[in-house]
N, C-alpha and C. Protein backbone atom coordinates (compact mmCIF):
# COMPACT_ATOMS: atom_id res chain seq x y z
N MET A 1 36.50 13.60 18.47
CA MET A 1 35.18 13.69 19.07
C MET A 1 34.37 12.46 18.64
N LEU A 2 33.69 11.83 19.61
CA LEU A 2 32.95 10.59 19.37
C LEU A 2 31.71 10.84 18.50
N GLU A 3 31.50 9.96 17.50
CA GLU A 3 30.33 10.04 16.64
C GLU A 3 29.27 9.07 17.13
N ILE A 4 28.00 9.39 16.86
CA ILE A 4 26.90 8.49 17.21
C ILE A 4 27.02 7.22 16.37
N GLY A 5 26.89 6.09 17.03
CA GLY A 5 26.93 4.79 16.39
C GLY A 5 26.73 3.72 17.45
N PRO A 6 26.83 2.45 17.07
CA PRO A 6 26.68 1.38 18.06
C PRO A 6 27.66 1.58 19.22
N GLY A 7 27.19 1.29 20.43
CA GLY A 7 28.04 1.41 21.61
C GLY A 7 28.14 2.82 22.16
N THR A 8 27.23 3.72 21.74
CA THR A 8 27.26 5.08 22.28
C THR A 8 25.96 5.40 23.02
N ARG A 9 26.08 6.34 23.93
CA ARG A 9 24.95 6.90 24.68
C ARG A 9 24.82 8.34 24.20
N VAL A 10 23.58 8.78 23.93
CA VAL A 10 23.34 10.08 23.30
C VAL A 10 22.34 10.89 24.11
N LYS A 11 22.60 12.20 24.20
CA LYS A 11 21.63 13.15 24.76
C LYS A 11 21.28 14.10 23.63
N LEU A 12 19.97 14.24 23.36
CA LEU A 12 19.54 15.10 22.27
C LEU A 12 18.17 15.71 22.54
N ASN A 13 17.91 16.79 21.84
CA ASN A 13 16.57 17.35 21.78
C ASN A 13 16.07 17.10 20.36
N PHE A 14 14.74 17.01 20.22
CA PHE A 14 14.18 16.72 18.91
C PHE A 14 12.85 17.45 18.73
N GLU A 15 12.48 17.54 17.46
CA GLU A 15 11.14 18.01 17.09
C GLU A 15 10.67 17.08 15.99
N LEU A 16 9.43 16.62 16.10
CA LEU A 16 8.84 15.70 15.12
C LEU A 16 7.67 16.39 14.45
N ARG A 17 7.71 16.45 13.12
CA ARG A 17 6.63 17.03 12.33
C ARG A 17 6.21 16.05 11.24
N LEU A 18 4.96 16.19 10.81
CA LEU A 18 4.53 15.49 9.61
C LEU A 18 5.09 16.24 8.42
N ARG A 19 5.10 15.63 7.25
CA ARG A 19 5.62 16.29 6.06
C ARG A 19 4.84 17.57 5.76
N SER A 20 3.58 17.66 6.21
CA SER A 20 2.74 18.85 6.01
C SER A 20 3.22 20.03 6.85
N GLY A 21 4.14 19.75 7.80
CA GLY A 21 4.62 20.79 8.70
C GLY A 21 3.93 20.76 10.05
N GLU A 22 2.89 19.95 10.20
CA GLU A 22 2.14 19.87 11.47
C GLU A 22 3.04 19.29 12.56
N LEU A 23 3.14 20.01 13.68
CA LEU A 23 3.95 19.58 14.82
C LEU A 23 3.28 18.42 15.53
N VAL A 24 4.03 17.32 15.75
CA VAL A 24 3.52 16.15 16.45
C VAL A 24 4.05 16.11 17.88
N ASP A 25 5.36 16.34 18.03
CA ASP A 25 5.99 16.27 19.35
C ASP A 25 7.28 17.07 19.32
N SER A 26 7.65 17.64 20.47
CA SER A 26 8.89 18.40 20.56
C SER A 26 9.35 18.44 22.00
N ASN A 27 10.66 18.33 22.19
CA ASN A 27 11.21 18.56 23.52
C ASN A 27 12.30 19.63 23.43
N LEU A 28 12.24 20.47 22.39
CA LEU A 28 13.26 21.50 22.20
C LEU A 28 13.33 22.46 23.38
N GLN A 29 12.22 22.67 24.07
CA GLN A 29 12.18 23.59 25.20
C GLN A 29 12.30 22.87 26.55
N ARG A 30 12.63 21.57 26.51
CA ARG A 30 12.74 20.78 27.74
C ARG A 30 14.12 20.13 27.83
N ASP A 31 14.30 19.34 28.87
CA ASP A 31 15.56 18.62 29.04
C ASP A 31 15.75 17.63 27.90
N PRO A 32 16.99 17.39 27.49
CA PRO A 32 17.24 16.42 26.41
C PRO A 32 16.85 15.01 26.84
N VAL A 33 16.55 14.17 25.86
CA VAL A 33 16.34 12.74 26.12
C VAL A 33 17.71 12.07 26.07
N ASP A 34 17.81 10.96 26.77
CA ASP A 34 19.07 10.24 26.94
C ASP A 34 18.78 8.78 26.57
N PHE A 35 19.51 8.23 25.62
CA PHE A 35 19.28 6.84 25.22
C PHE A 35 20.59 6.20 24.77
N GLU A 36 20.59 4.87 24.76
CA GLU A 36 21.72 4.11 24.26
C GLU A 36 21.37 3.60 22.87
N VAL A 37 22.25 3.81 21.91
CA VAL A 37 22.01 3.37 20.54
C VAL A 37 21.78 1.86 20.54
N GLY A 38 20.69 1.45 19.89
CA GLY A 38 20.37 0.03 19.79
C GLY A 38 19.53 -0.52 20.92
N ASP A 39 19.08 0.34 21.85
CA ASP A 39 18.30 -0.17 22.99
C ASP A 39 16.81 -0.32 22.66
N SER A 40 16.43 -0.09 21.41
CA SER A 40 15.05 -0.23 20.93
C SER A 40 14.09 0.82 21.48
N SER A 41 14.61 1.89 22.07
CA SER A 41 13.73 2.93 22.58
C SER A 41 13.30 3.92 21.49
N LEU A 42 14.03 3.91 20.36
CA LEU A 42 13.73 4.84 19.26
C LEU A 42 13.43 4.07 17.99
N LEU A 43 12.73 4.73 17.08
CA LEU A 43 12.47 4.15 15.77
C LEU A 43 13.80 3.88 15.07
N PHE A 44 13.92 2.72 14.45
CA PHE A 44 15.15 2.37 13.75
C PHE A 44 15.47 3.41 12.66
N GLY A 45 14.46 3.83 11.91
CA GLY A 45 14.68 4.80 10.83
C GLY A 45 15.19 6.13 11.34
N PHE A 46 14.79 6.50 12.55
CA PHE A 46 15.28 7.73 13.19
C PHE A 46 16.71 7.52 13.67
N GLU A 47 16.91 6.43 14.41
CA GLU A 47 18.21 6.17 15.02
C GLU A 47 19.33 6.08 13.98
N LYS A 48 19.08 5.36 12.88
CA LYS A 48 20.16 5.17 11.90
C LYS A 48 20.56 6.48 11.23
N ARG A 49 19.65 7.45 11.17
CA ARG A 49 19.98 8.74 10.56
C ARG A 49 20.82 9.62 11.50
N LEU A 50 20.95 9.20 12.75
CA LEU A 50 21.79 9.92 13.70
C LEU A 50 23.26 9.51 13.59
N PHE A 51 23.52 8.34 13.01
CA PHE A 51 24.89 7.82 12.94
C PHE A 51 25.80 8.84 12.26
N GLY A 52 26.95 9.06 12.88
CA GLY A 52 27.94 9.98 12.33
C GLY A 52 27.84 11.39 12.90
N LEU A 53 26.71 11.72 13.56
CA LEU A 53 26.59 13.05 14.16
C LEU A 53 27.39 13.10 15.46
N LYS A 54 27.79 14.31 15.84
CA LYS A 54 28.59 14.52 17.05
C LYS A 54 27.94 15.57 17.94
N ALA A 55 28.40 15.66 19.18
CA ALA A 55 27.91 16.69 20.10
C ALA A 55 28.06 18.06 19.43
N GLY A 56 27.01 18.87 19.51
CA GLY A 56 27.02 20.20 18.90
C GLY A 56 26.36 20.23 17.54
N ASP A 57 26.14 19.06 16.91
CA ASP A 57 25.50 19.02 15.60
C ASP A 57 24.00 19.24 15.70
N SER A 58 23.42 19.84 14.66
CA SER A 58 21.97 19.96 14.48
C SER A 58 21.68 19.49 13.06
N GLN A 59 20.54 18.82 12.90
CA GLN A 59 20.19 18.33 11.56
C GLN A 59 18.68 18.17 11.45
N VAL A 60 18.18 18.33 10.22
CA VAL A 60 16.79 18.04 9.89
C VAL A 60 16.82 16.91 8.87
N PHE A 61 16.01 15.87 9.09
CA PHE A 61 15.96 14.75 8.14
C PHE A 61 14.58 14.14 8.11
N ASP A 62 14.29 13.46 6.99
CA ASP A 62 13.01 12.79 6.79
C ASP A 62 13.15 11.31 7.10
N VAL A 63 12.06 10.73 7.63
CA VAL A 63 11.97 9.30 7.84
C VAL A 63 10.69 8.84 7.13
N PRO A 64 10.83 8.03 6.06
CA PRO A 64 9.64 7.55 5.36
C PRO A 64 8.81 6.63 6.25
N ALA A 65 7.53 6.56 5.98
CA ALA A 65 6.60 5.77 6.79
C ALA A 65 7.10 4.35 7.05
N ALA A 66 7.63 3.70 6.02
CA ALA A 66 8.08 2.31 6.17
C ALA A 66 9.19 2.16 7.21
N GLU A 67 9.98 3.22 7.44
CA GLU A 67 11.06 3.16 8.43
C GLU A 67 10.68 3.87 9.73
N GLY A 68 9.45 4.39 9.76
CA GLY A 68 8.96 5.05 10.96
C GLY A 68 8.03 4.11 11.72
N PHE A 69 6.74 4.41 11.66
CA PHE A 69 5.75 3.59 12.35
C PHE A 69 5.11 2.57 11.43
N GLY A 70 5.70 2.38 10.25
CA GLY A 70 5.21 1.38 9.30
C GLY A 70 4.10 1.93 8.42
N GLU A 71 3.79 1.16 7.40
CA GLU A 71 2.70 1.53 6.50
C GLU A 71 1.37 1.24 7.19
N HIS A 72 0.34 1.95 6.78
CA HIS A 72 -1.00 1.69 7.31
C HIS A 72 -1.45 0.32 6.80
N ASN A 73 -1.86 -0.56 7.71
CA ASN A 73 -2.24 -1.92 7.35
C ASN A 73 -3.75 -2.10 7.52
N PRO A 74 -4.48 -2.30 6.40
CA PRO A 74 -5.93 -2.47 6.49
C PRO A 74 -6.34 -3.66 7.36
N ASP A 75 -5.44 -4.66 7.51
CA ASP A 75 -5.75 -5.82 8.35
C ASP A 75 -5.82 -5.45 9.84
N ASN A 76 -5.30 -4.27 10.19
CA ASN A 76 -5.34 -3.82 11.59
C ASN A 76 -6.63 -3.08 11.92
N ILE A 77 -7.56 -3.04 10.99
CA ILE A 77 -8.88 -2.47 11.26
C ILE A 77 -9.81 -3.65 11.54
N GLN A 78 -10.42 -3.64 12.71
CA GLN A 78 -11.23 -4.77 13.16
C GLN A 78 -12.66 -4.33 13.46
N ARG A 79 -13.58 -5.26 13.29
CA ARG A 79 -14.97 -5.04 13.69
C ARG A 79 -15.19 -5.80 14.99
N ILE A 80 -15.64 -5.08 16.00
CA ILE A 80 -15.86 -5.68 17.31
C ILE A 80 -17.34 -5.54 17.64
N ALA A 81 -17.93 -6.59 18.18
CA ALA A 81 -19.35 -6.56 18.53
C ALA A 81 -19.62 -5.42 19.50
N ALA A 82 -20.64 -4.65 19.22
CA ALA A 82 -20.97 -3.46 20.03
C ALA A 82 -21.21 -3.83 21.49
N ASP A 83 -21.73 -5.03 21.76
CA ASP A 83 -22.02 -5.40 23.15
C ASP A 83 -20.75 -5.71 23.96
N GLN A 84 -19.57 -5.70 23.32
CA GLN A 84 -18.31 -5.95 24.02
C GLN A 84 -17.79 -4.71 24.75
N PHE A 85 -18.44 -3.57 24.57
CA PHE A 85 -17.93 -2.31 25.14
C PHE A 85 -18.51 -1.99 26.51
N GLY A 86 -19.45 -2.82 27.00
CA GLY A 86 -20.00 -2.64 28.34
C GLY A 86 -20.56 -1.24 28.56
N GLU A 87 -20.06 -0.58 29.61
CA GLU A 87 -20.55 0.75 29.99
C GLU A 87 -20.02 1.86 29.10
N VAL A 88 -18.94 1.57 28.37
CA VAL A 88 -18.31 2.59 27.52
C VAL A 88 -19.15 2.80 26.27
N GLU A 89 -19.44 4.06 25.96
CA GLU A 89 -20.15 4.38 24.72
C GLU A 89 -19.13 4.88 23.70
N PRO A 90 -18.67 4.00 22.79
CA PRO A 90 -17.65 4.42 21.84
C PRO A 90 -18.17 5.50 20.89
N GLN A 91 -17.29 6.45 20.60
CA GLN A 91 -17.60 7.54 19.66
C GLN A 91 -16.47 7.61 18.64
N PRO A 92 -16.76 7.92 17.37
CA PRO A 92 -15.70 8.05 16.38
C PRO A 92 -14.61 9.03 16.85
N GLY A 93 -13.35 8.61 16.67
CA GLY A 93 -12.21 9.44 17.08
C GLY A 93 -11.70 9.12 18.48
N MET A 94 -12.51 8.44 19.27
CA MET A 94 -12.12 8.08 20.63
C MET A 94 -11.01 7.04 20.60
N ILE A 95 -10.04 7.15 21.50
CA ILE A 95 -8.97 6.16 21.62
C ILE A 95 -9.23 5.36 22.89
N LEU A 96 -9.31 4.05 22.74
CA LEU A 96 -9.56 3.16 23.87
C LEU A 96 -8.46 2.12 23.96
N GLY A 97 -8.24 1.60 25.16
CA GLY A 97 -7.27 0.52 25.37
C GLY A 97 -7.96 -0.82 25.26
N PHE A 98 -7.35 -1.75 24.54
CA PHE A 98 -7.88 -3.10 24.36
C PHE A 98 -6.81 -4.08 24.79
N SER A 99 -7.22 -5.27 25.27
CA SER A 99 -6.26 -6.30 25.65
C SER A 99 -5.87 -7.10 24.42
N ASP A 100 -4.56 -7.34 24.27
CA ASP A 100 -4.10 -8.20 23.18
C ASP A 100 -4.03 -9.63 23.70
N PRO A 101 -3.71 -10.61 22.84
CA PRO A 101 -3.69 -12.02 23.30
C PRO A 101 -2.73 -12.27 24.46
N ALA A 102 -1.67 -11.45 24.59
CA ALA A 102 -0.70 -11.63 25.68
C ALA A 102 -1.11 -10.83 26.92
N GLN A 103 -2.33 -10.30 26.91
CA GLN A 103 -2.87 -9.50 28.01
C GLN A 103 -2.17 -8.14 28.17
N GLY A 104 -1.47 -7.72 27.14
CA GLY A 104 -0.93 -6.36 27.13
C GLY A 104 -2.03 -5.42 26.66
N GLU A 105 -1.78 -4.11 26.78
CA GLU A 105 -2.79 -3.16 26.33
C GLU A 105 -2.38 -2.54 25.00
N VAL A 106 -3.33 -2.50 24.08
CA VAL A 106 -3.11 -1.96 22.75
C VAL A 106 -4.13 -0.84 22.52
N PRO A 107 -3.68 0.34 22.08
CA PRO A 107 -4.65 1.41 21.81
C PRO A 107 -5.34 1.18 20.47
N GLY A 108 -6.60 1.53 20.41
CA GLY A 108 -7.37 1.46 19.17
C GLY A 108 -8.18 2.73 19.01
N VAL A 109 -8.29 3.20 17.76
CA VAL A 109 -9.06 4.41 17.46
C VAL A 109 -10.41 3.97 16.90
N ILE A 110 -11.48 4.46 17.50
CA ILE A 110 -12.83 4.14 17.03
C ILE A 110 -13.06 4.88 15.71
N LEU A 111 -13.36 4.12 14.65
CA LEU A 111 -13.60 4.73 13.35
C LEU A 111 -15.08 4.95 13.09
N GLU A 112 -15.88 3.91 13.40
CA GLU A 112 -17.30 3.96 13.08
C GLU A 112 -18.07 3.16 14.12
N VAL A 113 -19.25 3.66 14.49
CA VAL A 113 -20.08 2.99 15.48
C VAL A 113 -21.41 2.63 14.82
N GLY A 114 -21.70 1.33 14.79
CA GLY A 114 -22.98 0.86 14.26
C GLY A 114 -23.79 0.22 15.39
N GLU A 115 -24.97 -0.25 15.07
CA GLU A 115 -25.80 -0.88 16.10
C GLU A 115 -25.23 -2.23 16.54
N GLN A 116 -24.68 -2.99 15.60
CA GLN A 116 -24.16 -4.33 15.90
C GLN A 116 -22.65 -4.35 16.15
N TYR A 117 -21.91 -3.52 15.38
CA TYR A 117 -20.45 -3.56 15.41
C TYR A 117 -19.84 -2.17 15.56
N VAL A 118 -18.63 -2.17 16.10
CA VAL A 118 -17.82 -0.95 16.19
C VAL A 118 -16.54 -1.24 15.41
N GLU A 119 -16.18 -0.34 14.48
CA GLU A 119 -14.96 -0.50 13.69
C GLU A 119 -13.82 0.22 14.41
N VAL A 120 -12.72 -0.53 14.67
CA VAL A 120 -11.60 -0.01 15.44
C VAL A 120 -10.31 -0.16 14.63
N ASP A 121 -9.51 0.91 14.59
CA ASP A 121 -8.24 0.91 13.87
C ASP A 121 -7.12 0.72 14.89
N PHE A 122 -6.39 -0.40 14.77
CA PHE A 122 -5.28 -0.71 15.68
C PHE A 122 -3.92 -0.32 15.11
N ASN A 123 -3.90 0.37 13.97
CA ASN A 123 -2.63 0.90 13.45
C ASN A 123 -2.15 2.00 14.37
N HIS A 124 -0.83 2.20 14.44
CA HIS A 124 -0.29 3.34 15.18
C HIS A 124 -0.83 4.60 14.51
N PRO A 125 -1.19 5.63 15.28
CA PRO A 125 -1.74 6.86 14.66
C PRO A 125 -0.82 7.49 13.62
N LEU A 126 0.47 7.22 13.67
CA LEU A 126 1.40 7.78 12.68
C LEU A 126 1.77 6.78 11.58
N ALA A 127 1.13 5.61 11.58
CA ALA A 127 1.38 4.62 10.51
C ALA A 127 0.99 5.24 9.17
N GLY A 128 1.81 4.96 8.17
CA GLY A 128 1.54 5.47 6.84
C GLY A 128 1.91 6.92 6.62
N ARG A 129 2.50 7.55 7.64
CA ARG A 129 2.86 8.97 7.55
C ARG A 129 4.37 9.13 7.44
N ASP A 130 4.80 9.93 6.47
CA ASP A 130 6.21 10.29 6.37
C ASP A 130 6.48 11.35 7.44
N LEU A 131 7.62 11.25 8.10
CA LEU A 131 7.94 12.11 9.24
C LEU A 131 9.16 12.97 8.95
N GLN A 132 9.24 14.10 9.62
CA GLN A 132 10.43 14.95 9.54
C GLN A 132 10.89 15.25 10.97
N PHE A 133 12.17 15.03 11.22
CA PHE A 133 12.75 15.28 12.53
C PHE A 133 13.77 16.40 12.45
N GLU A 134 13.81 17.20 13.50
CA GLU A 134 14.92 18.12 13.72
C GLU A 134 15.58 17.67 15.00
N VAL A 135 16.90 17.52 14.99
CA VAL A 135 17.62 17.07 16.19
C VAL A 135 18.75 18.04 16.52
N ARG A 136 19.03 18.14 17.81
CA ARG A 136 20.17 18.89 18.33
C ARG A 136 20.90 17.97 19.29
N ILE A 137 22.12 17.61 18.92
CA ILE A 137 22.89 16.64 19.71
C ILE A 137 23.68 17.39 20.79
N HIS A 138 23.48 16.98 22.05
CA HIS A 138 24.17 17.62 23.18
C HIS A 138 25.38 16.86 23.66
N ALA A 139 25.29 15.52 23.66
CA ALA A 139 26.40 14.70 24.15
C ALA A 139 26.40 13.36 23.47
N VAL A 140 27.59 12.85 23.19
CA VAL A 140 27.79 11.50 22.68
C VAL A 140 28.94 10.92 23.50
N GLU A 141 28.66 9.81 24.18
CA GLU A 141 29.69 9.20 25.02
C GLU A 141 29.61 7.69 24.91
N PRO A 142 30.64 6.99 25.31
CA PRO A 142 30.59 5.52 25.26
C PRO A 142 29.47 5.02 26.17
N ALA A 143 28.75 4.00 25.71
CA ALA A 143 27.70 3.40 26.53
C ALA A 143 28.35 2.65 27.69
N ALA A 144 27.70 2.66 28.83
CA ALA A 144 28.25 2.01 30.03
C ALA A 144 28.44 0.52 29.84
N SER A 145 27.60 -0.09 29.00
CA SER A 145 27.67 -1.54 28.81
C SER A 145 28.82 -1.96 27.89
N HIS A 146 29.55 -0.98 27.32
CA HIS A 146 30.65 -1.33 26.41
C HIS A 146 32.00 -1.06 27.05
């Protein structure tokens, strides 16, 4: 029976929780996700913990923040002039889309609103958080590109 590793395509269901037990995301009650190992669609820390599993396996494992969405980086908190928000009235906790230098869109969480500046956190919302995954492997097959 084929094990998950480079050159494989995998179908699985997962549940993602914080270490506190708080549920973040789950597709256990939906169709499995389908991905090719190494296609960059999954967190590296998650993907590497799947290696060696086979169809029919279930497992629970932890992914530390550094191998998940990274550590929280204080340099990713920016102060933006309040007059840059136009018609939008930013409120703490609000998530807004901002343009990055390459004209892509980056989400930012409003932390604080002042008269002159708005403080925005551009860290991923799960940065700095240790994660726990539960996985159920449905299929492991050779990737079409191999």
